[in-house]
Amino acid sequence: MLTIFSLLFYTWGEPFYALLLLILSAAVNFAAGIYIERFRGQKGGTVAVTSAVVFNILMLGIFKYSGFFAENINAFFHANLPVPKSHIPVGISFYTFQAISYVIDCHWEKVKVQRHFGRFMLYISFFPKVMNGPITRYADFEERLTNRKATVSDLSYGFNRVTVGLAKKVLIANNLNIIVENLLSSPKESTLIGNWLGIIAFALSMYFDFSGYSDMAIGLGSIFGFRIQENFNYPFICKDITEFWQRWHISLGTFFRDYLLYIPIFGKRRKYGGLFLVWLCTGIWHGASWNFIIWGIYYGLLVFTEMKIGKKKMKKIPAVARHIYTKFAILIGFGIFYFESLPMLGSFFKGIFGFGGNGFINEYDKMTFVNNIWVFALAILFCFPVIPAVKKLLNKAYPIRAAASFAEMWVCAGLLIISSILLVDSTGQMFFYDRF
C-alpha cells in the first residue's frame, strides 16, 4: 500500500514519464544489487557496481545538465549544438543519490542485498522523502521494510513534527519569500540596506523552507514506522563554516563525505584534492548554472582555509569575531546561491558593498522592515534551539511535564488550523528544493 500510494503521490506532481524514470532507476539498481551479490569477489561484481553508478550519474547528467553543457559548448567553441529543453523530474537528485548509496553499500557489504523489488521500490519512492529528501541510506530502512510498527508515541511525535514543518513553510518561509522577491528582483536598483535585508530574508527563508520539509518528512516517516535521519541541527548557531556544514543539509554532506571524499585522485588519496572535488560536486548537484559552481568553490575555499588554520587556532579567535565572520560569509554564500544570472550577481555584490549608486537606505526598505518585523523576529528566534531548551526545562518536574505535553498538543493543533487557512487563501508556493 505504501509503495502504491507513494507512486501515486509522485505521479500527482509530475508527468507520467517521470514516474517511469523513477521505476527504471529502481529496477536498474535493484538488479545491480543482485548481480553484486552473485558475483561478489569476482570481476562481475565490480562491473555491476560500476555500471550502476555510471547509469545513475548519466541519468542525472542527461536530465539535469545536458542543456547547460550544450549552451556552454556553443558559447565557448562557437558551435551550434541543439540545446535540450527537457523537464527536470522532481526529486531526481535525491532518489538518484539514494540508489548510488545502496549499490555502493552492497558492494562494500555494509547492507544485505534486497531481493524483493516491491520493498526496494518503497525505499526509493517513499513519498515523504522522494521529492526533497533527506537523502536516506538503505541501512536506515533495511530492517523496517519488513518489520516495523508505529506506536502511539510515534504517531504523536510524527503529527507534531509535521505540523511544525508545515508552520515553518507557511507562516515563516512563504512570508520571507515575498520580501526576497520584492528586494532582490532587481539588485541593481536596490540600496545597500535593501540588498542586505533581502539576502538575510533569503537565508532565513531557505532554512525554514527546507528544514520545514525535512520536519514533515521525518514526522510522516515516524507515523508509518520509519526513522528518517535529521537533516538540520540549528545551523545558524555555528561558530565557523565547517560547523555550519555539519549542521546544514546533513544528509547531503554525509553522502559526499562517505562516498566521494576519500576516492583516489591521480592514483592517490589526496586530502585537499578530495575536499575540492566534494565542494565542486556539491555546487554542481544544486543546479546547472555557473553560480552554483562558484558557490561550491567559494565554500571549498572557506573550509580549506579553516583546515589550514586548524581547530585549535580557530578556537582561540574570540567567539564574537568568529560569529561575525561566519554570518557574513554565510550571507555572501546565499547571495551567490540566489542569483543564477552572473550580471545580477555582480550588481548584488556592488550593492552590498555600497557601490550600487542607490544610497544607503530608502523609505521602501524602512516600510518593508517595519511591516514584516514580526516575521523577522519569529525567524531569528526559532533559528536558535528555543523549543528544545523549553522542553528540557519543563521536563524536570512531572506535573509541569504533563501540562507541557498537553499544551504542545493544542499548540500544534492551532498551528495546523492556521497554516491550513493560510494555504487555502494563498497561491501555491513550491518548496525551494523541488527544483532539485
Foldseek 3Di string as FASTA:
>chain_A
DQLVVLLVLLVVVDPPVLSVVLLVLLVLLLVLLVQLVVQPPHPSNVVSLVVNLVVLVVVCCVQFAQQLVVVVCCVPVVDDDDRDPHARRAQSLQLSLQSNLASVCSNVVVDHRDPDSSLSSCVSRRNLASGQDDNFHVVQCVVVSPDFDADPVLLLQLLLLLLQLLLLQQVFLVVLVVLLCVQQVFLLQHALLSLVSNLVSLVLSLCSLNQSSVSNSQSVCSRVGGHGDRQADLLLVDLALVSSCCGHRVSLVVSLVVPQQQDADPRHGDNLVSLLVSLQVQLVSQHSAVLSNVLSNLSSVRVVVDVVCPPVNSVVPDSVVSSVVHVVSVSLSSLSVPDRDVVSSVSSVCRNVRNSPNYHHDPVSVVVCVVCVVSVVVSVVVSDVPPVVVQVVQVVDVVSNVVVSVVSSVVSVVSNVVSVVSVVPDDDDDRPSSSD
